[in-house]
Amino acid sequence: MTITQHCYERFTERAKRGDRDPARAAVKILDMLSKAEPVQLKKKYRATALLRNGLRLVSYLKFDNWIFVLDEEQNVMTCYQGQQFRWEADK
């Protein structure tokens, strides 16, 4: 699993101050990913997400209020917080 530079940048923008150091961010992201659970978007949000992701199929992992977006090769493309209403457990 590779974490993209874009994901590191988004994480450090959105994380608590103590987690903004690049080395600490890497450890924190890997720890969160090891505990994350698969989720999927609710149906009404999927078409928009597919377009936003350049028609690439992606999967999502959720830890606490963080969402991680992974491509088909399991590269962690980005991460963000919130929008809990958009998610449901992966079936």
N, C-alpha and C. Protein backbone atom coordinates (compact mmCIF):
# COMPACT_ATOMS: atom_id res chain seq x y z
N MET A 1 0.85 -1.17 0.00
CA MET A 1 0.00 0.00 0.00
C MET A 1 0.89 1.23 0.00
N THR A 2 0.63 2.12 -0.93
CA THR A 2 1.38 3.36 -1.05
C THR A 2 0.48 4.54 -0.70
N ILE A 3 1.00 5.45 0.08
CA ILE A 3 0.27 6.67 0.41
C ILE A 3 0.81 7.78 -0.48
N THR A 4 -0.05 8.38 -1.26
CA THR A 4 0.39 9.41 -2.20
C THR A 4 0.74 10.71 -1.48
N GLN A 5 1.53 11.50 -2.15
CA GLN A 5 1.89 12.82 -1.63
C GLN A 5 0.63 13.66 -1.40
N HIS A 6 -0.33 13.53 -2.32
CA HIS A 6 -1.59 14.26 -2.19
C HIS A 6 -2.28 13.90 -0.87
N CYS A 7 -2.30 12.62 -0.54
CA CYS A 7 -2.92 12.19 0.72
C CYS A 7 -2.19 12.79 1.92
N TYR A 8 -0.85 12.75 1.91
CA TYR A 8 -0.09 13.35 3.00
C TYR A 8 -0.43 14.83 3.14
N GLU A 9 -0.50 15.53 2.02
CA GLU A 9 -0.80 16.96 2.05
C GLU A 9 -2.19 17.22 2.62
N ARG A 10 -3.18 16.45 2.18
CA ARG A 10 -4.54 16.65 2.69
C ARG A 10 -4.60 16.32 4.17
N PHE A 11 -3.92 15.25 4.59
CA PHE A 11 -3.93 14.88 6.00
C PHE A 11 -3.33 15.98 6.87
N THR A 12 -2.17 16.48 6.47
CA THR A 12 -1.52 17.50 7.30
C THR A 12 -2.31 18.81 7.31
N GLU A 13 -3.06 19.10 6.26
CA GLU A 13 -3.93 20.28 6.25
C GLU A 13 -5.06 20.15 7.25
N ARG A 14 -5.56 18.93 7.40
CA ARG A 14 -6.79 18.70 8.16
C ARG A 14 -6.57 18.14 9.56
N ALA A 15 -5.37 17.69 9.85
CA ALA A 15 -5.10 17.01 11.12
C ALA A 15 -4.90 18.00 12.27
N LYS A 16 -4.91 17.44 13.47
CA LYS A 16 -4.59 18.25 14.65
C LYS A 16 -3.14 18.72 14.52
N ARG A 17 -2.82 19.78 15.19
CA ARG A 17 -1.48 20.37 15.07
C ARG A 17 -0.35 19.37 15.31
N GLY A 18 -0.47 18.53 16.28
CA GLY A 18 0.59 17.58 16.60
C GLY A 18 0.85 16.57 15.51
N ASP A 19 -0.14 16.34 14.64
CA ASP A 19 -0.01 15.34 13.57
C ASP A 19 0.40 15.96 12.24
N ARG A 20 0.80 17.20 12.23
CA ARG A 20 1.14 17.88 10.97
C ARG A 20 2.59 17.68 10.55
N ASP A 21 3.43 17.22 11.45
CA ASP A 21 4.80 16.90 11.09
C ASP A 21 4.79 15.72 10.11
N PRO A 22 5.51 15.81 8.97
CA PRO A 22 5.44 14.74 7.95
C PRO A 22 5.76 13.34 8.48
N ALA A 23 6.77 13.19 9.31
CA ALA A 23 7.11 11.87 9.84
C ALA A 23 6.01 11.35 10.75
N ARG A 24 5.51 12.22 11.58
CA ARG A 24 4.42 11.82 12.49
C ARG A 24 3.13 11.53 11.71
N ALA A 25 2.89 12.30 10.65
CA ALA A 25 1.70 12.07 9.82
C ALA A 25 1.75 10.69 9.19
N ALA A 26 2.90 10.29 8.71
CA ALA A 26 3.04 8.97 8.08
C ALA A 26 2.68 7.85 9.06
N VAL A 27 3.19 7.95 10.26
CA VAL A 27 2.90 6.94 11.29
C VAL A 27 1.42 6.94 11.63
N LYS A 28 0.86 8.13 11.78
CA LYS A 28 -0.56 8.26 12.14
C LYS A 28 -1.46 7.68 11.04
N ILE A 29 -1.17 8.00 9.78
CA ILE A 29 -1.98 7.49 8.67
C ILE A 29 -1.93 5.97 8.62
N LEU A 30 -0.74 5.40 8.72
CA LEU A 30 -0.60 3.93 8.69
C LEU A 30 -1.33 3.28 9.85
N ASP A 31 -1.27 3.89 11.02
CA ASP A 31 -1.99 3.36 12.18
C ASP A 31 -3.50 3.40 11.93
N MET A 32 -3.99 4.51 11.42
CA MET A 32 -5.42 4.64 11.16
C MET A 32 -5.87 3.64 10.09
N LEU A 33 -5.08 3.47 9.05
CA LEU A 33 -5.43 2.53 7.98
C LEU A 33 -5.48 1.09 8.50
N SER A 34 -4.60 0.76 9.44
CA SER A 34 -4.58 -0.61 9.98
C SER A 34 -5.85 -0.91 10.78
N LYS A 35 -6.53 0.12 11.26
CA LYS A 35 -7.75 -0.05 12.06
C LYS A 35 -9.02 0.29 11.29
N ALA A 36 -8.87 0.76 10.06
CA ALA A 36 -10.02 1.24 9.28
C ALA A 36 -10.89 0.09 8.78
N GLU A 37 -12.15 0.40 8.59
CA GLU A 37 -13.13 -0.55 8.08
C GLU A 37 -13.61 -0.12 6.70
N PRO A 38 -13.87 -1.08 5.80
CA PRO A 38 -14.40 -0.71 4.48
C PRO A 38 -15.81 -0.12 4.60
N VAL A 39 -16.06 0.91 3.84
CA VAL A 39 -17.39 1.50 3.73
C VAL A 39 -17.66 1.77 2.26
N GLN A 40 -18.90 2.06 1.96
CA GLN A 40 -19.24 2.45 0.60
C GLN A 40 -20.18 3.64 0.64
N LEU A 41 -20.17 4.36 -0.44
CA LEU A 41 -21.08 5.50 -0.55
C LEU A 41 -22.50 5.00 -0.70
N LYS A 42 -23.42 5.73 -0.15
CA LYS A 42 -24.83 5.44 -0.41
C LYS A 42 -25.08 5.65 -1.90
N LYS A 43 -26.03 4.94 -2.45
CA LYS A 43 -26.27 4.93 -3.89
C LYS A 43 -26.43 6.32 -4.49
N LYS A 44 -27.11 7.21 -3.79
CA LYS A 44 -27.38 8.52 -4.39
C LYS A 44 -26.13 9.39 -4.55
N TYR A 45 -24.99 9.00 -3.96
CA TYR A 45 -23.75 9.77 -4.08
C TYR A 45 -22.72 9.13 -5.02
N ARG A 46 -22.99 7.92 -5.50
CA ARG A 46 -21.98 7.17 -6.27
C ARG A 46 -21.66 7.76 -7.63
N ALA A 47 -22.64 8.23 -8.38
CA ALA A 47 -22.37 8.76 -9.72
C ALA A 47 -21.47 10.00 -9.65
N THR A 48 -21.76 10.88 -8.71
CA THR A 48 -20.94 12.08 -8.55
C THR A 48 -19.51 11.71 -8.16
N ALA A 49 -19.36 10.75 -7.28
CA ALA A 49 -18.03 10.33 -6.85
C ALA A 49 -17.25 9.69 -8.00
N LEU A 50 -17.92 8.90 -8.81
CA LEU A 50 -17.27 8.27 -9.95
C LEU A 50 -16.73 9.33 -10.91
N LEU A 51 -17.50 10.36 -11.16
CA LEU A 51 -17.05 11.45 -12.02
C LEU A 51 -15.89 12.21 -11.37
N ARG A 52 -16.00 12.47 -10.09
CA ARG A 52 -14.95 13.20 -9.37
C ARG A 52 -13.63 12.43 -9.37
N ASN A 53 -13.73 11.10 -9.41
CA ASN A 53 -12.53 10.25 -9.39
C ASN A 53 -12.04 9.92 -10.80
N GLY A 54 -12.49 10.67 -11.79
CA GLY A 54 -12.02 10.46 -13.16
C GLY A 54 -12.45 9.14 -13.74
N LEU A 55 -13.63 8.66 -13.36
CA LEU A 55 -14.21 7.38 -13.81
C LEU A 55 -13.38 6.18 -13.37
N ARG A 56 -12.52 6.37 -12.38
CA ARG A 56 -11.74 5.26 -11.82
C ARG A 56 -12.53 4.63 -10.67
N LEU A 57 -12.48 3.31 -10.61
CA LEU A 57 -13.11 2.63 -9.49
C LEU A 57 -12.22 2.78 -8.27
N VAL A 58 -12.81 3.14 -7.17
CA VAL A 58 -12.07 3.32 -5.92
C VAL A 58 -12.80 2.59 -4.81
N SER A 59 -12.09 2.40 -3.73
CA SER A 59 -12.71 1.86 -2.52
C SER A 59 -12.44 2.84 -1.39
N TYR A 60 -13.19 2.67 -0.32
CA TYR A 60 -13.12 3.61 0.79
C TYR A 60 -12.91 2.86 2.09
N LEU A 61 -12.07 3.43 2.94
CA LEU A 61 -11.86 2.92 4.29
C LEU A 61 -12.18 4.04 5.26
N LYS A 62 -12.82 3.68 6.38
CA LYS A 62 -13.22 4.67 7.37
C LYS A 62 -12.61 4.33 8.71
N PHE A 63 -12.00 5.32 9.32
CA PHE A 63 -11.53 5.22 10.70
C PHE A 63 -11.98 6.46 11.43
N ASP A 64 -12.74 6.28 12.49
CA ASP A 64 -13.28 7.40 13.25
C ASP A 64 -14.03 8.32 12.29
N ASN A 65 -13.64 9.56 12.15
CA ASN A 65 -14.34 10.43 11.20
C ASN A 65 -13.51 10.69 9.94
N TRP A 66 -12.49 9.87 9.71
CA TRP A 66 -11.64 9.97 8.52
C TRP A 66 -12.07 8.97 7.46
N ILE A 67 -12.07 9.41 6.21
CA ILE A 67 -12.32 8.56 5.05
C ILE A 67 -11.06 8.56 4.20
N PHE A 68 -10.60 7.37 3.83
CA PHE A 68 -9.44 7.21 2.94
C PHE A 68 -9.93 6.64 1.62
N VAL A 69 -9.45 7.20 0.52
CA VAL A 69 -9.85 6.78 -0.82
C VAL A 69 -8.68 6.02 -1.45
N LEU A 70 -8.94 4.76 -1.84
CA LEU A 70 -7.91 3.91 -2.42
C LEU A 70 -8.26 3.56 -3.86
N ASP A 71 -7.24 3.55 -4.73
CA ASP A 71 -7.48 3.15 -6.11
C ASP A 71 -7.41 1.62 -6.22
N GLU A 72 -7.52 1.12 -7.43
CA GLU A 72 -7.55 -0.34 -7.63
C GLU A 72 -6.24 -1.02 -7.23
N GLU A 73 -5.13 -0.28 -7.25
CA GLU A 73 -3.84 -0.85 -6.85
C GLU A 73 -3.58 -0.67 -5.36
N GLN A 74 -4.58 -0.20 -4.63
CA GLN A 74 -4.52 0.03 -3.19
C GLN A 74 -3.61 1.19 -2.81
N ASN A 75 -3.40 2.14 -3.72
CA ASN A 75 -2.72 3.39 -3.38
C ASN A 75 -3.72 4.28 -2.66
N VAL A 76 -3.30 4.88 -1.57
CA VAL A 76 -4.18 5.77 -0.82
C VAL A 76 -4.09 7.14 -1.48
N MET A 77 -5.13 7.49 -2.23
CA MET A 77 -5.12 8.69 -3.06
C MET A 77 -5.34 9.97 -2.27
N THR A 78 -6.28 9.93 -1.32
CA THR A 78 -6.58 11.12 -0.54
C THR A 78 -7.30 10.72 0.74
N CYS A 79 -7.55 11.70 1.58
CA CYS A 79 -8.30 11.47 2.80
C CYS A 79 -9.03 12.76 3.16
N TYR A 80 -10.11 12.60 3.86
CA TYR A 80 -10.86 13.76 4.33
C TYR A 80 -11.70 13.36 5.51
N GLN A 81 -12.31 14.35 6.14
CA GLN A 81 -13.13 14.13 7.32
C GLN A 81 -14.56 14.55 7.05
N GLY A 82 -15.45 14.01 7.87
CA GLY A 82 -16.83 14.46 7.84
C GLY A 82 -17.70 13.76 6.82
N GLN A 83 -18.85 14.35 6.57
CA GLN A 83 -19.85 13.85 5.63
C GLN A 83 -20.29 12.43 5.98
N GLN A 84 -20.47 12.18 7.26
CA GLN A 84 -20.82 10.84 7.71
C GLN A 84 -22.14 10.35 7.13
N PHE A 85 -23.02 11.25 6.77
CA PHE A 85 -24.32 10.88 6.21
C PHE A 85 -24.20 10.20 4.85
N ARG A 86 -23.05 10.31 4.19
CA ARG A 86 -22.88 9.74 2.85
C ARG A 86 -22.49 8.27 2.84
N TRP A 87 -22.18 7.68 4.00
CA TRP A 87 -21.57 6.36 4.06
C TRP A 87 -22.47 5.31 4.66
N GLU A 88 -22.24 4.07 4.24
CA GLU A 88 -22.89 2.92 4.86
C GLU A 88 -21.86 1.80 4.92
N ALA A 89 -22.10 0.83 5.77
CA ALA A 89 -21.17 -0.28 5.92
C ALA A 89 -21.02 -1.01 4.58
N ASP A 90 -19.80 -1.46 4.32
CA ASP A 90 -19.53 -2.21 3.09
C ASP A 90 -20.22 -3.56 3.19
N LYS A 91 -20.87 -3.95 2.10
CA LYS A 91 -21.62 -5.21 2.13
C LYS A 91 -20.87 -6.34 1.49
